[in-house]
């Protein structure tokens, strides 16, 4: 029967497979969302999906490693760099950085367009 006995490791494996394909897009969107709404609540909600998606495969990896064998630290470091760093953290930083850069450039352009006027004055928007 499915998921009986020793098949418990398939659940974190399924989470890991989904995260490999969808994780970078989800994290880039979460980073961009946090850049629009800074604060502790938005930061928490932008990081929670990553914590779940990283914790499931990590606990499987840690349980399956034989700690006395050579190469275990390399396996753990490569998991952290590849799975956590490249697939999870880097897209979040990319989404956050892109939104922040666009906001800074738009603000700078608005200040140059109407010196002495509040931002948005030329377009008829309230200051």
PDB file of N, CA and C in Angstrom:
ATOM      1  N   UNK A   1       0.840  -1.175   0.000  1.00  0.00           N
ATOM      2  CA  UNK A   1       0.000   0.000   0.000  1.00  0.00           C
ATOM      3  C   UNK A   1       0.891   1.247   0.000  1.00  0.00           C
ATOM      4  N   UNK A   2       0.411   2.303  -0.609  1.00  0.00           N
ATOM      5  CA  UNK A   2       1.186   3.531  -0.732  1.00  0.00           C
ATOM      6  C   UNK A   2       1.360   4.204   0.628  1.00  0.00           C
ATOM      7  N   UNK A   3       2.559   4.661   0.900  1.00  0.00           N
ATOM      8  CA  UNK A   3       2.942   5.348   2.137  1.00  0.00           C
ATOM      9  C   UNK A   3       2.719   4.496   3.384  1.00  0.00           C
ATOM     10  N   UNK A   4       3.054   3.270   3.289  1.00  0.00           N
ATOM     11  CA  UNK A   4       3.005   2.430   4.479  1.00  0.00           C
ATOM     12  C   UNK A   4       4.402   1.875   4.729  1.00  0.00           C
ATOM     13  N   UNK A   5       4.726   1.666   5.960  1.00  0.00           N
ATOM     14  CA  UNK A   5       6.027   1.102   6.295  1.00  0.00           C
ATOM     15  C   UNK A   5       7.157   2.080   6.070  1.00  0.00           C
ATOM     16  N   UNK A   6       8.031   1.780   5.124  1.00  0.00           N
ATOM     17  CA  UNK A   6       9.222   2.593   4.874  1.00  0.00           C
ATOM     18  C   UNK A   6       9.031   3.643   3.786  1.00  0.00           C
ATOM     19  N   UNK A   7       7.839   3.863   3.329  1.00  0.00           N
ATOM     20  CA  UNK A   7       7.610   4.832   2.258  1.00  0.00           C
ATOM     21  C   UNK A   7       7.359   6.245   2.764  1.00  0.00           C
ATOM     22  N   UNK A   8       7.634   6.531   4.020  1.00  0.00           N
ATOM     23  CA  UNK A   8       7.393   7.858   4.570  1.00  0.00           C
ATOM     24  C   UNK A   8       8.269   8.916   3.914  1.00  0.00           C
ATOM     25  N   UNK A   9       9.417   8.531   3.387  1.00  0.00           N
ATOM     26  CA  UNK A   9      10.346   9.497   2.806  1.00  0.00           C
ATOM     27  C   UNK A   9       9.821  10.071   1.496  1.00  0.00           C
ATOM     28  N   UNK A  10       8.774   9.491   0.909  1.00  0.00           N
ATOM     29  CA  UNK A  10       8.239  10.018  -0.341  1.00  0.00           C
ATOM     30  C   UNK A  10       7.550  11.368  -0.168  1.00  0.00           C
ATOM     31  N   UNK A  11       7.007  11.634   1.000  1.00  0.00           N
ATOM     32  CA  UNK A  11       6.324  12.915   1.212  1.00  0.00           C
ATOM     33  C   UNK A  11       7.319  14.079   1.146  1.00  0.00           C
ATOM     34  N   UNK A  12       8.421  14.069   1.904  1.00  0.00           N
ATOM     35  CA  UNK A  12       9.385  15.165   1.738  1.00  0.00           C
ATOM     36  C   UNK A  12      10.014  15.191   0.346  1.00  0.00           C
ATOM     37  N   UNK A  13      10.147  14.027  -0.270  1.00  0.00           N
ATOM     38  CA  UNK A  13      10.699  13.982  -1.621  1.00  0.00           C
ATOM     39  C   UNK A  13       9.752  14.661  -2.613  1.00  0.00           C
ATOM     40  N   UNK A  14       8.455  14.465  -2.440  1.00  0.00           N
ATOM     41  CA  UNK A  14       7.477  15.122  -3.315  1.00  0.00           C
ATOM     42  C   UNK A  14       7.515  16.633  -3.110  1.00  0.00           C
ATOM     43  N   UNK A  15       7.643  17.064  -1.865  1.00  0.00           N
ATOM     44  CA  UNK A  15       7.757  18.504  -1.586  1.00  0.00           C
ATOM     45  C   UNK A  15       9.015  19.065  -2.253  1.00  0.00           C
ATOM     46  N   UNK A  16      10.097  18.307  -2.179  1.00  0.00           N
ATOM     47  CA  UNK A  16      11.347  18.757  -2.785  1.00  0.00           C
ATOM     48  C   UNK A  16      11.239  18.854  -4.308  1.00  0.00           C
ATOM     49  N   UNK A  17      10.586  17.889  -4.935  1.00  0.00           N
ATOM     50  CA  UNK A  17      10.442  17.927  -6.389  1.00  0.00           C
ATOM     51  C   UNK A  17       9.577  19.109  -6.830  1.00  0.00           C
ATOM     52  N   UNK A  18       8.517  19.378  -6.102  1.00  0.00           N
ATOM     53  CA  UNK A  18       7.696  20.543  -6.432  1.00  0.00           C
ATOM     54  C   UNK A  18       8.470  21.844  -6.227  1.00  0.00           C
ATOM     55  N   UNK A  19       9.267  21.890  -5.165  1.00  0.00           N
ATOM     56  CA  UNK A  19      10.019  23.105  -4.876  1.00  0.00           C
ATOM     57  C   UNK A  19      11.115  23.360  -5.913  1.00  0.00           C
ATOM     58  N   UNK A  20      11.680  22.299  -6.457  1.00  0.00           N
ATOM     59  CA  UNK A  20      12.718  22.483  -7.471  1.00  0.00           C
ATOM     60  C   UNK A  20      12.186  23.237  -8.684  1.00  0.00           C
ATOM     61  N   UNK A  21      10.946  22.958  -9.057  1.00  0.00           N
ATOM     62  CA  UNK A  21      10.379  23.588 -10.253  1.00  0.00           C
ATOM     63  C   UNK A  21       9.618  24.874  -9.950  1.00  0.00           C
ATOM     64  N   UNK A  22       8.893  24.917  -8.849  1.00  0.00           N
ATOM     65  CA  UNK A  22       8.054  26.074  -8.556  1.00  0.00           C
ATOM     66  C   UNK A  22       8.672  27.030  -7.543  1.00  0.00           C
ATOM     67  N   UNK A  23       9.631  26.564  -6.769  1.00  0.00           N
ATOM     68  CA  UNK A  23      10.208  27.363  -5.699  1.00  0.00           C
ATOM     69  C   UNK A  23      10.829  28.680  -6.121  1.00  0.00           C
ATOM     70  N   UNK A  24      11.665  28.696  -7.153  1.00  0.00           N
ATOM     71  CA  UNK A  24      12.262  29.979  -7.533  1.00  0.00           C
ATOM     72  C   UNK A  24      11.229  31.036  -7.933  1.00  0.00           C
ATOM     73  N   UNK A  25      10.177  30.625  -8.627  1.00  0.00           N
ATOM     74  CA  UNK A  25       9.145  31.585  -9.023  1.00  0.00           C
ATOM     75  C   UNK A  25       8.353  32.083  -7.812  1.00  0.00           C
ATOM     76  N   UNK A  26       8.041  31.159  -6.913  1.00  0.00           N
ATOM     77  CA  UNK A  26       7.312  31.531  -5.705  1.00  0.00           C
ATOM     78  C   UNK A  26       8.147  32.453  -4.825  1.00  0.00           C
ATOM     79  N   UNK A  27       9.436  32.168  -4.701  1.00  0.00           N
ATOM     80  CA  UNK A  27      10.285  33.001  -3.849  1.00  0.00           C
ATOM     81  C   UNK A  27      10.535  34.372  -4.468  1.00  0.00           C
ATOM     82  N   UNK A  28      10.661  34.452  -5.787  1.00  0.00           N
ATOM     83  CA  UNK A  28      10.819  35.761  -6.429  1.00  0.00           C
ATOM     84  C   UNK A  28       9.561  36.601  -6.221  1.00  0.00           C
ATOM     85  N   UNK A  29       8.407  35.974  -6.339  1.00  0.00           N
ATOM     86  CA  UNK A  29       7.152  36.697  -6.098  1.00  0.00           C
ATOM     87  C   UNK A  29       7.034  37.111  -4.631  1.00  0.00           C
ATOM     88  N   UNK A  30       7.459  36.258  -3.710  1.00  0.00           N
ATOM     89  CA  UNK A  30       7.400  36.593  -2.284  1.00  0.00           C
ATOM     90  C   UNK A  30       8.357  37.734  -1.953  1.00  0.00           C
ATOM     91  N   UNK A  31       9.537  37.743  -2.556  1.00  0.00           N
ATOM     92  CA  UNK A  31      10.476  38.842  -2.331  1.00  0.00           C
ATOM     93  C   UNK A  31       9.947  40.157  -2.872  1.00  0.00           C
ATOM     94  N   UNK A  32       9.313  40.112  -4.039  1.00  0.00           N
ATOM     95  CA  UNK A  32       8.726  41.327  -4.609  1.00  0.00           C
ATOM     96  C   UNK A  32       7.561  41.812  -3.751  1.00  0.00           C
ATOM     97  N   UNK A  33       6.765  40.873  -3.248  1.00  0.00           N
ATOM     98  CA  UNK A  33       5.639  41.241  -2.397  1.00  0.00           C
ATOM     99  C   UNK A  33       6.127  41.900  -1.116  1.00  0.00           C
ATOM    100  N   UNK A  34       7.194  41.375  -0.539  1.00  0.00           N
ATOM    101  CA  UNK A  34       7.742  41.962   0.676  1.00  0.00           C
ATOM    102  C   UNK A  34       8.305  43.359   0.400  1.00  0.00           C
ATOM    103  N   UNK A  35       8.877  43.569  -0.770  1.00  0.00           N
ATOM    104  CA  UNK A  35       9.426  44.891  -1.091  1.00  0.00           C
ATOM    105  C   UNK A  35       8.309  45.936  -1.198  1.00  0.00           C
ATOM    106  N   UNK A  36       7.121  45.529  -1.628  1.00  0.00           N
ATOM    107  CA  UNK A  36       5.996  46.457  -1.699  1.00  0.00           C
ATOM    108  C   UNK A  36       5.390  46.728  -0.329  1.00  0.00           C
ATOM    109  N   UNK A  37       5.409  45.735   0.550  1.00  0.00           N
ATOM    110  CA  UNK A  37       4.795  45.865   1.868  1.00  0.00           C
ATOM    111  C   UNK A  37       5.819  45.516   2.950  1.00  0.00           C
ATOM    112  N   UNK A  38       6.766  46.389   3.230  1.00  0.00           N
ATOM    113  CA  UNK A  38       7.759  46.058   4.254  1.00  0.00           C
ATOM    114  C   UNK A  38       7.115  45.996   5.636  1.00  0.00           C
ATOM    115  N   UNK A  39       7.668  45.161   6.461  1.00  0.00           N
ATOM    116  CA  UNK A  39       7.175  44.996   7.821  1.00  0.00           C
ATOM    117  C   UNK A  39       7.387  43.564   8.264  1.00  0.00           C
ATOM    118  N   UNK A  40       7.203  43.321   9.538  1.00  0.00           N
ATOM    119  CA  UNK A  40       7.459  41.981  10.061  1.00  0.00           C
ATOM    120  C   UNK A  40       6.440  40.959   9.573  1.00  0.00           C
ATOM    121  N   UNK A  41       5.194  41.357   9.458  1.00  0.00           N
ATOM    122  CA  UNK A  41       4.165  40.419   8.999  1.00  0.00           C
ATOM    123  C   UNK A  41       4.410  39.969   7.564  1.00  0.00           C
ATOM    124  N   UNK A  42       4.721  40.916   6.700  1.00  0.00           N
ATOM    125  CA  UNK A  42       4.989  40.568   5.303  1.00  0.00           C
ATOM    126  C   UNK A  42       6.253  39.727   5.180  1.00  0.00           C
ATOM    127  N   UNK A  43       7.252  40.024   5.979  1.00  0.00           N
ATOM    128  CA  UNK A  43       8.473  39.220   5.956  1.00  0.00           C
ATOM    129  C   UNK A  43       8.190  37.799   6.401  1.00  0.00           C
ATOM    130  N   UNK A  44       7.400  37.653   7.437  1.00  0.00           N
ATOM    131  CA  UNK A  44       7.047  36.324   7.925  1.00  0.00           C
ATOM    132  C   UNK A  44       6.303  35.530   6.860  1.00  0.00           C
ATOM    133  N   UNK A  45       5.310  36.151   6.229  1.00  0.00           N
ATOM    134  CA  UNK A  45       4.539  35.428   5.213  1.00  0.00           C
ATOM    135  C   UNK A  45       5.321  35.193   3.935  1.00  0.00           C
ATOM    136  N   UNK A  46       6.368  35.948   3.689  1.00  0.00           N
ATOM    137  CA  UNK A  46       7.167  35.692   2.488  1.00  0.00           C
ATOM    138  C   UNK A  46       8.221  34.623   2.727  1.00  0.00           C
ATOM    139  N   UNK A  47       8.501  34.295   3.986  1.00  0.00           N
ATOM    140  CA  UNK A  47       9.537  33.318   4.305  1.00  0.00           C
ATOM    141  C   UNK A  47       8.962  31.959   4.717  1.00  0.00           C
ATOM    142  N   UNK A  48       7.735  31.925   5.202  1.00  0.00           N
ATOM    143  CA  UNK A  48       7.141  30.673   5.693  1.00  0.00           C
ATOM    144  C   UNK A  48       7.113  29.567   4.639  1.00  0.00           C
ATOM    145  N   UNK A  49       6.717  29.821   3.385  1.00  0.00           N
ATOM    146  CA  UNK A  49       6.744  28.718   2.413  1.00  0.00           C
ATOM    147  C   UNK A  49       8.137  28.129   2.224  1.00  0.00           C
ATOM    148  N   UNK A  50       9.148  28.964   2.276  1.00  0.00           N
ATOM    149  CA  UNK A  50      10.518  28.466   2.126  1.00  0.00           C
ATOM    150  C   UNK A  50      10.929  27.613   3.309  1.00  0.00           C
ATOM    151  N   UNK A  51      10.513  27.991   4.502  1.00  0.00           N
ATOM    152  CA  UNK A  51      10.863  27.192   5.672  1.00  0.00           C
ATOM    153  C   UNK A  51      10.277  25.791   5.579  1.00  0.00           C
ATOM    154  N   UNK A  52       9.045  25.687   5.136  1.00  0.00           N
ATOM    155  CA  UNK A  52       8.413  24.375   4.997  1.00  0.00           C
ATOM    156  C   UNK A  52       9.096  23.567   3.901  1.00  0.00           C
ATOM    157  N   UNK A  53       9.356  24.200   2.767  1.00  0.00           N
ATOM    158  CA  UNK A  53       9.934  23.485   1.631  1.00  0.00           C
ATOM    159  C   UNK A  53      11.389  23.098   1.855  1.00  0.00           C
ATOM    160  N   UNK A  54      12.103  23.804   2.701  1.00  0.00           N
ATOM    161  CA  UNK A  54      13.500  23.476   2.984  1.00  0.00           C
ATOM    162  C   UNK A  54      13.605  22.493   4.147  1.00  0.00           C
ATOM    163  N   UNK A  55      12.723  22.621   5.125  1.00  0.00           N
ATOM    164  CA  UNK A  55      12.803  21.763   6.307  1.00  0.00           C
ATOM    165  C   UNK A  55      12.474  20.315   5.995  1.00  0.00           C
ATOM    166  N   UNK A  56      11.528  20.061   5.104  1.00  0.00           N
ATOM    167  CA  UNK A  56      11.137  18.682   4.801  1.00  0.00           C
ATOM    168  C   UNK A  56      12.292  17.881   4.190  1.00  0.00           C
ATOM    169  N   UNK A  57      12.927  18.336   3.121  1.00  0.00           N
ATOM    170  CA  UNK A  57      14.054  17.564   2.583  1.00  0.00           C
ATOM    171  C   UNK A  57      15.279  17.566   3.497  1.00  0.00           C
ATOM    172  N   UNK A  58      15.474  18.642   4.251  1.00  0.00           N
ATOM    173  CA  UNK A  58      16.627  18.698   5.140  1.00  0.00           C
ATOM    174  C   UNK A  58      16.535  17.646   6.239  1.00  0.00           C
ATOM    175  N   UNK A  59      15.361  17.480   6.810  1.00  0.00           N
ATOM    176  CA  UNK A  59      15.242  16.463   7.854  1.00  0.00           C
ATOM    177  C   UNK A  59      15.402  15.063   7.278  1.00  0.00           C
ATOM    178  N   UNK A  60      14.970  14.846   6.041  1.00  0.00           N
ATOM    179  CA  UNK A  60      15.185  13.551   5.405  1.00  0.00           C
ATOM    180  C   UNK A  60      16.667  13.318   5.145  1.00  0.00           C
ATOM    181  N   UNK A  61      17.352  14.339   4.675  1.00  0.00           N
ATOM    182  CA  UNK A  61      18.785  14.219   4.400  1.00  0.00           C
ATOM    183  C   UNK A  61      19.564  13.963   5.681  1.00  0.00           C
ATOM    184  N   UNK A  62      19.247  14.695   6.728  1.00  0.00           N
ATOM    185  CA  UNK A  62      19.983  14.552   7.988  1.00  0.00           C
ATOM    186  C   UNK A  62      19.758  13.168   8.594  1.00  0.00           C
ATOM    187  N   UNK A  63      18.556  12.650   8.492  1.00  0.00           N
ATOM    188  CA  UNK A  63      18.289  11.318   9.036  1.00  0.00           C
ATOM    189  C   UNK A  63      18.955  10.214   8.231  1.00  0.00           C
ATOM    190  N   UNK A  64      19.110  10.416   6.929  1.00  0.00           N
ATOM    191  CA  UNK A  64      19.643   9.343   6.089  1.00  0.00           C
ATOM    192  C   UNK A  64      21.169   9.330   6.025  1.00  0.00           C
ATOM    193  N   UNK A  65      21.831  10.390   6.469  1.00  0.00           N
ATOM    194  CA  UNK A  65      23.295  10.439   6.395  1.00  0.00           C
ATOM    195  C   UNK A  65      23.926   9.544   7.466  1.00  0.00           C
ATOM    196  N   UNK A  66      25.000   8.916   7.092  1.00  0.00           N
ATOM    197  CA  UNK A  66      25.820   8.177   8.064  1.00  0.00           C
ATOM    198  C   UNK A  66      26.961   9.116   8.449  1.00  0.00           C
ATOM    199  N   UNK A  67      26.883   9.672   9.628  1.00  0.00           N
ATOM    200  CA  UNK A  67      27.739  10.774  10.027  1.00  0.00           C
ATOM    201  C   UNK A  67      29.204  10.406  10.161  1.00  0.00           C
ATOM    202  N   UNK A  68      29.541   9.140  10.286  1.00  0.00           N
ATOM    203  CA  UNK A  68      30.935   8.757  10.424  1.00  0.00           C
ATOM    204  C   UNK A  68      31.662   8.616   9.099  1.00  0.00           C
ATOM    205  N   UNK A  69      30.948   8.599   7.992  1.00  0.00           N
ATOM    206  CA  UNK A  69      31.570   8.379   6.682  1.00  0.00           C
ATOM    207  C   UNK A  69      32.152   9.667   6.120  1.00  0.00           C
ATOM    208  N   UNK A  70      33.192   9.545   5.309  1.00  0.00           N
ATOM    209  CA  UNK A  70      33.741  10.754   4.675  1.00  0.00           C
ATOM    210  C   UNK A  70      32.786  11.275   3.607  1.00  0.00           C
ATOM    211  N   UNK A  71      32.799  12.572   3.403  1.00  0.00           N
ATOM    212  CA  UNK A  71      31.956  13.183   2.385  1.00  0.00           C
ATOM    213  C   UNK A  71      30.632  13.703   2.907  1.00  0.00           C
ATOM    214  N   UNK A  72      30.311  13.436   4.161  1.00  0.00           N
ATOM    215  CA  UNK A  72      29.046  13.911   4.723  1.00  0.00           C
ATOM    216  C   UNK A  72      29.004  15.431   4.806  1.00  0.00           C
ATOM    217  N   UNK A  73      30.058  16.097   5.285  1.00  0.00           N
ATOM    218  CA  UNK A  73      30.004  17.563   5.293  1.00  0.00           C
ATOM    219  C   UNK A  73      29.857  18.154   3.890  1.00  0.00           C
ATOM    220  N   UNK A  74      30.484  17.524   2.894  1.00  0.00           N
ATOM    221  CA  UNK A  74      30.347  18.011   1.522  1.00  0.00           C
ATOM    222  C   UNK A  74      28.913  17.880   1.035  1.00  0.00           C
ATOM    223  N   UNK A  75      28.259  16.799   1.379  1.00  0.00           N
ATOM    224  CA  UNK A  75      26.869  16.597   0.986  1.00  0.00           C
ATOM    225  C   UNK A  75      25.973  17.647   1.624  1.00  0.00           C
ATOM    226  N   UNK A  76      26.177  17.902   2.892  1.00  0.00           N
ATOM    227  CA  UNK A  76      25.361  18.882   3.595  1.00  0.00           C
ATOM    228  C   UNK A  76      25.610  20.297   3.071  1.00  0.00           C
ATOM    229  N   UNK A  77      26.857  20.635   2.823  1.00  0.00           N
ATOM    230  CA  UNK A  77      27.188  21.965   2.303  1.00  0.00           C
ATOM    231  C   UNK A  77      26.634  22.147   0.892  1.00  0.00           C
ATOM    232  N   UNK A  78      26.742  21.123   0.057  1.00  0.00           N
ATOM    233  CA  UNK A  78      26.207  21.248  -1.300  1.00  0.00           C
ATOM    234  C   UNK A  78      24.682  21.360  -1.289  1.00  0.00           C
ATOM    235  N   UNK A  79      24.012  20.685  -0.367  1.00  0.00           N
ATOM    236  CA  UNK A  79      22.560  20.833  -0.240  1.00  0.00           C
ATOM    237  C   UNK A  79      22.208  22.261   0.168  1.00  0.00           C
ATOM    238  N   UNK A  80      22.922  22.776   1.160  1.00  0.00           N
ATOM    239  CA  UNK A  80      22.618  24.120   1.635  1.00  0.00           C
ATOM    240  C   UNK A  80      22.912  25.179   0.567  1.00  0.00           C
ATOM    241  N   UNK A  81      24.017  25.023  -0.144  1.00  0.00           N
ATOM    242  CA  UNK A  81      24.345  26.001  -1.180  1.00  0.00           C
ATOM    243  C   UNK A  81      23.399  25.909  -2.383  1.00  0.00           C
ATOM    244  N   UNK A  82      23.148  24.696  -2.840  1.00  0.00           N
ATOM    245  CA  UNK A  82      22.322  24.526  -4.032  1.00  0.00           C
ATOM    246  C   UNK A  82      20.848  24.700  -3.777  1.00  0.00           C
ATOM    247  N   UNK A  83      20.319  23.901  -2.884  1.00  0.00           N
ATOM    248  CA  UNK A  83      18.873  23.887  -2.656  1.00  0.00           C
ATOM    249  C   UNK A  83      18.403  25.124  -1.902  1.00  0.00           C
ATOM    250  N   UNK A  84      19.102  25.453  -0.831  1.00  0.00           N
ATOM    251  CA  UNK A  84      18.675  26.598  -0.023  1.00  0.00           C
ATOM    252  C   UNK A  84      19.138  27.900  -0.662  1.00  0.00           C
ATOM    253  N   UNK A  85      20.394  27.971  -1.065  1.00  0.00           N
ATOM    254  CA  UNK A  85      20.922  29.218  -1.597  1.00  0.00           C
ATOM    255  C   UNK A  85      20.418  29.572  -2.977  1.00  0.00           C
ATOM    256  N   UNK A  86      20.609  28.678  -3.930  1.00  0.00           N
ATOM    257  CA  UNK A  86      20.275  28.995  -5.316  1.00  0.00           C
ATOM    258  C   UNK A  86      18.789  28.929  -5.629  1.00  0.00           C
ATOM    259  N   UNK A  87      18.086  28.009  -5.016  1.00  0.00           N
ATOM    260  CA  UNK A  87      16.680  27.823  -5.363  1.00  0.00           C
ATOM    261  C   UNK A  87      15.762  28.639  -4.458  1.00  0.00           C
ATOM    262  N   UNK A  88      16.198  28.970  -3.255  1.00  0.00           N
ATOM    263  CA  UNK A  88      15.305  29.626  -2.309  1.00  0.00           C
ATOM    264  C   UNK A  88      15.708  31.068  -2.022  1.00  0.00           C
ATOM    265  N   UNK A  89      16.916  31.303  -1.586  1.00  0.00           N
ATOM    266  CA  UNK A  89      17.316  32.637  -1.132  1.00  0.00           C
ATOM    267  C   UNK A  89      17.605  33.584  -2.305  1.00  0.00           C
ATOM    268  N   UNK A  90      18.320  33.118  -3.297  1.00  0.00           N
ATOM    269  CA  UNK A  90      18.695  33.984  -4.417  1.00  0.00           C
ATOM    270  C   UNK A  90      17.486  34.533  -5.184  1.00  0.00           C
ATOM    271  N   UNK A  91      16.466  33.727  -5.515  1.00  0.00           N
ATOM    272  CA  UNK A  91      15.291  34.320  -6.166  1.00  0.00           C
ATOM    273  C   UNK A  91      14.545  35.319  -5.288  1.00  0.00           C
ATOM    274  N   UNK A  92      14.493  35.070  -3.969  1.00  0.00           N
ATOM    275  CA  UNK A  92      13.841  36.021  -3.070  1.00  0.00           C
ATOM    276  C   UNK A  92      14.578  37.354  -3.092  1.00  0.00           C
ATOM    277  N   UNK A  93      15.894  37.289  -3.013  1.00  0.00           N
ATOM    278  CA  UNK A  93      16.688  38.522  -3.069  1.00  0.00           C
ATOM    279  C   UNK A  93      16.552  39.213  -4.424  1.00  0.00           C
ATOM    280  N   UNK A  94      16.458  38.427  -5.481  1.00  0.00           N
ATOM    281  CA  UNK A  94      16.280  39.010  -6.813  1.00  0.00           C
ATOM    282  C   UNK A  94      14.960  39.744  -6.949  1.00  0.00           C
ATOM    283  N   UNK A  95      13.875  39.144  -6.487  1.00  0.00           N
ATOM    284  CA  UNK A  95      12.569  39.806  -6.540  1.00  0.00           C
ATOM    285  C   UNK A  95      12.534  41.053  -5.674  1.00  0.00           C
ATOM    286  N   UNK A  96      13.087  40.955  -4.468  1.00  0.00           N
ATOM    287  CA  UNK A  96      13.124  42.101  -3.570  1.00  0.00           C
ATOM    288  C   UNK A  96      13.983  43.224  -4.160  1.00  0.00           C
ATOM    289  N   UNK A  97      15.161  42.874  -4.660  1.00  0.00           N
ATOM    290  CA  UNK A  97      16.066  43.881  -5.208  1.00  0.00           C
ATOM    291  C   UNK A  97      15.521  44.548  -6.458  1.00  0.00           C
ATOM    292  N   UNK A  98      14.844  43.791  -7.295  1.00  0.00           N
ATOM    293  CA  UNK A  98      14.276  44.359  -8.516  1.00  0.00           C
ATOM    294  C   UNK A  98      13.192  45.383  -8.190  1.00  0.00           C
ATOM    295  N   UNK A  99      12.316  45.051  -7.275  1.00  0.00           N
ATOM    296  CA  UNK A  99      11.249  45.987  -6.909  1.00  0.00           C
ATOM    297  C   UNK A  99      11.820  47.222  -6.231  1.00  0.00           C
ATOM    298  N   UNK A 100      12.776  47.044  -5.352  1.00  0.00           N
ATOM    299  CA  UNK A 100      13.368  48.203  -4.681  1.00  0.00           C
ATOM    300  C   UNK A 100      14.100  49.110  -5.671  1.00  0.00           C
ATOM    301  N   UNK A 101      14.798  48.512  -6.643  1.00  0.00           N
ATOM    302  CA  UNK A 101      15.500  49.306  -7.657  1.00  0.00           C
ATOM    303  C   UNK A 101      14.515  50.093  -8.509  1.00  0.00           C
ATOM    304  N   UNK A 102      13.444  49.466  -8.922  1.00  0.00           N
ATOM    305  CA  UNK A 102      12.437  50.151  -9.737  1.00  0.00           C
ATOM    306  C   UNK A 102      11.808  51.292  -8.950  1.00  0.00           C
ATOM    307  N   UNK A 103      11.520  51.089  -7.679  1.00  0.00           N
ATOM    308  CA  UNK A 103      10.921  52.154  -6.869  1.00  0.00           C
ATOM    309  C   UNK A 103      11.876  53.329  -6.701  1.00  0.00           C
ATOM    310  N   UNK A 104      13.151  53.049  -6.507  1.00  0.00           N
ATOM    311  CA  UNK A 104      14.130  54.132  -6.355  1.00  0.00           C
ATOM    312  C   UNK A 104      14.270  54.908  -7.659  1.00  0.00           C
ATOM    313  N   UNK A 105      14.334  54.210  -8.781  1.00  0.00           N
ATOM    314  CA  UNK A 105      14.470  54.890 -10.069  1.00  0.00           C
ATOM    315  C   UNK A 105      13.234  55.714 -10.409  1.00  0.00           C
ATOM    316  N   UNK A 106      12.055  55.208 -10.107  1.00  0.00           N
ATOM    317  CA  UNK A 106      10.825  55.970 -10.361  1.00  0.00           C
ATOM    318  C   UNK A 106      10.756  57.207  -9.475  1.00  0.00           C
ATOM    319  N   UNK A 107      11.165  57.095  -8.233  1.00  0.00           N
ATOM    320  CA  UNK A 107      11.156  58.250  -7.338  1.00  0.00           C
ATOM    321  C   UNK A 107      12.154  59.294  -7.812  1.00  0.00           C
ATOM    322  N   UNK A 108      13.310  58.848  -8.253  1.00  0.00           N
ATOM    323  CA  UNK A 108      14.324  59.784  -8.751  1.00  0.00           C
ATOM    324  C   UNK A 108      13.837  60.504 -10.009  1.00  0.00           C
ATOM    325  N   UNK A 109      13.177  59.767 -10.888  1.00  0.00           N
ATOM    326  CA  UNK A 109      12.656  60.364 -12.121  1.00  0.00           C
ATOM    327  C   UNK A 109      11.528  61.354 -11.806  1.00  0.00           C
ATOM    328  N   UNK A 110      10.694  61.041 -10.817  1.00  0.00           N
ATOM    329  CA  UNK A 110       9.611  61.950 -10.448  1.00  0.00           C
ATOM    330  C   UNK A 110      10.156  63.232  -9.832  1.00  0.00           C
ATOM    331  N   UNK A 111      11.227  63.136  -9.059  1.00  0.00           N
ATOM    332  CA  UNK A 111      11.826  64.333  -8.471  1.00  0.00           C
ATOM    333  C   UNK A 111      12.462  65.213  -9.533  1.00  0.00           C
ATOM    334  N   UNK A 112      13.063  64.612 -10.557  1.00  0.00           N
ATOM    335  CA  UNK A 112      13.680  65.403 -11.629  1.00  0.00           C
ATOM    336  C   UNK A 112      12.618  66.059 -12.510  1.00  0.00           C
ATOM    337  N   UNK A 113      11.486  65.419 -12.688  1.00  0.00           N
ATOM    338  CA  UNK A 113      10.445  65.937 -13.577  1.00  0.00           C
ATOM    339  C   UNK A 113       9.802  67.203 -13.017  1.00  0.00           C
ATOM    340  N   UNK A 114       9.605  67.261 -11.722  1.00  0.00           N
ATOM    341  CA  UNK A 114       8.935  68.414 -11.132  1.00  0.00           C
ATOM    342  C   UNK A 114       9.697  68.861  -9.889  1.00  0.00           C
ATOM    343  N   UNK A 115      10.773  69.639 -10.061  1.00  0.00           N
ATOM    344  CA  UNK A 115      11.506  70.092  -8.880  1.00  0.00           C
ATOM    345  C   UNK A 115      10.652  71.061  -8.060  1.00  0.00           C
ATOM    346  N   UNK A 116      10.616  70.854  -6.782  1.00  0.00           N
ATOM    347  CA  UNK A 116       9.856  71.723  -5.890  1.00  0.00           C
ATOM    348  C   UNK A 116       8.410  71.295  -5.709  1.00  0.00           C
ATOM    349  N   UNK A 117       7.925  70.413  -6.545  1.00  0.00           N
ATOM    350  CA  UNK A 117       6.538  69.947  -6.428  1.00  0.00           C
ATOM    351  C   UNK A 117       6.532  68.594  -5.727  1.00  0.00           C
ATOM    352  N   UNK A 118       5.463  68.281  -5.026  1.00  0.00           N
ATOM    353  CA  UNK A 118       5.390  66.965  -4.385  1.00  0.00           C
ATOM    354  C   UNK A 118       5.316  65.850  -5.433  1.00  0.00           C
ATOM    355  N   UNK A 119       5.742  64.638  -5.087  1.00  0.00           N
ATOM    356  CA  UNK A 119       5.712  63.538  -6.054  1.00  0.00           C
ATOM    357  C   UNK A 119       4.292  63.273  -6.531  1.00  0.00           C
ATOM    358  N   UNK A 120       4.143  63.070  -7.821  1.00  0.00           N
ATOM    359  CA  UNK A 120       2.834  62.787  -8.396  1.00  0.00           C
ATOM    360  C   UNK A 120       2.048  64.038  -8.752  1.00  0.00           C
ATOM    361  N   UNK A 121       2.628  65.227  -8.554  1.00  0.00           N
ATOM    362  CA  UNK A 121       1.885  66.463  -8.800  1.00  0.00           C
ATOM    363  C   UNK A 121       1.545  66.633 -10.270  1.00  0.00           C
ATOM    364  N   UNK A 122       2.462  66.298 -11.166  1.00  0.00           N
ATOM    365  CA  UNK A 122       2.246  66.485 -12.600  1.00  0.00           C
ATOM    366  C   UNK A 122       1.131  65.602 -13.138  1.00  0.00           C
ATOM    367  N   UNK A 123       0.975  64.439 -12.535  1.00  0.00           N
ATOM    368  CA  UNK A 123      -0.037  63.505 -13.033  1.00  0.00           C
ATOM    369  C   UNK A 123      -1.396  63.743 -12.407  1.00  0.00           C
ATOM    370  N   UNK A 124      -1.519  64.688 -11.502  1.00  0.00           N
ATOM    371  CA  UNK A 124      -2.786  64.961 -10.875  1.00  0.00           C
ATOM    372  C   UNK A 124      -3.083  64.084  -9.684  1.00  0.00           C
ATOM    373  N   UNK A 125      -2.063  63.384  -9.207  1.00  0.00           N
ATOM    374  CA  UNK A 125      -2.257  62.529  -8.055  1.00  0.00           C
ATOM    375  C   UNK A 125      -2.006  63.323  -6.787  1.00  0.00           C
ATOM    376  N   UNK A 126      -2.694  62.964  -5.696  1.00  0.00           N
ATOM    377  CA  UNK A 126      -2.408  63.675  -4.441  1.00  0.00           C
ATOM    378  C   UNK A 126      -0.999  63.364  -3.941  1.00  0.00           C
ATOM    379  N   UNK A 127      -0.362  64.343  -3.342  1.00  0.00           N
ATOM    380  CA  UNK A 127       1.016  64.256  -2.902  1.00  0.00           C
ATOM    381  C   UNK A 127       1.242  63.265  -1.844  1.00  0.00           C
TER     382      UNK A 127
END
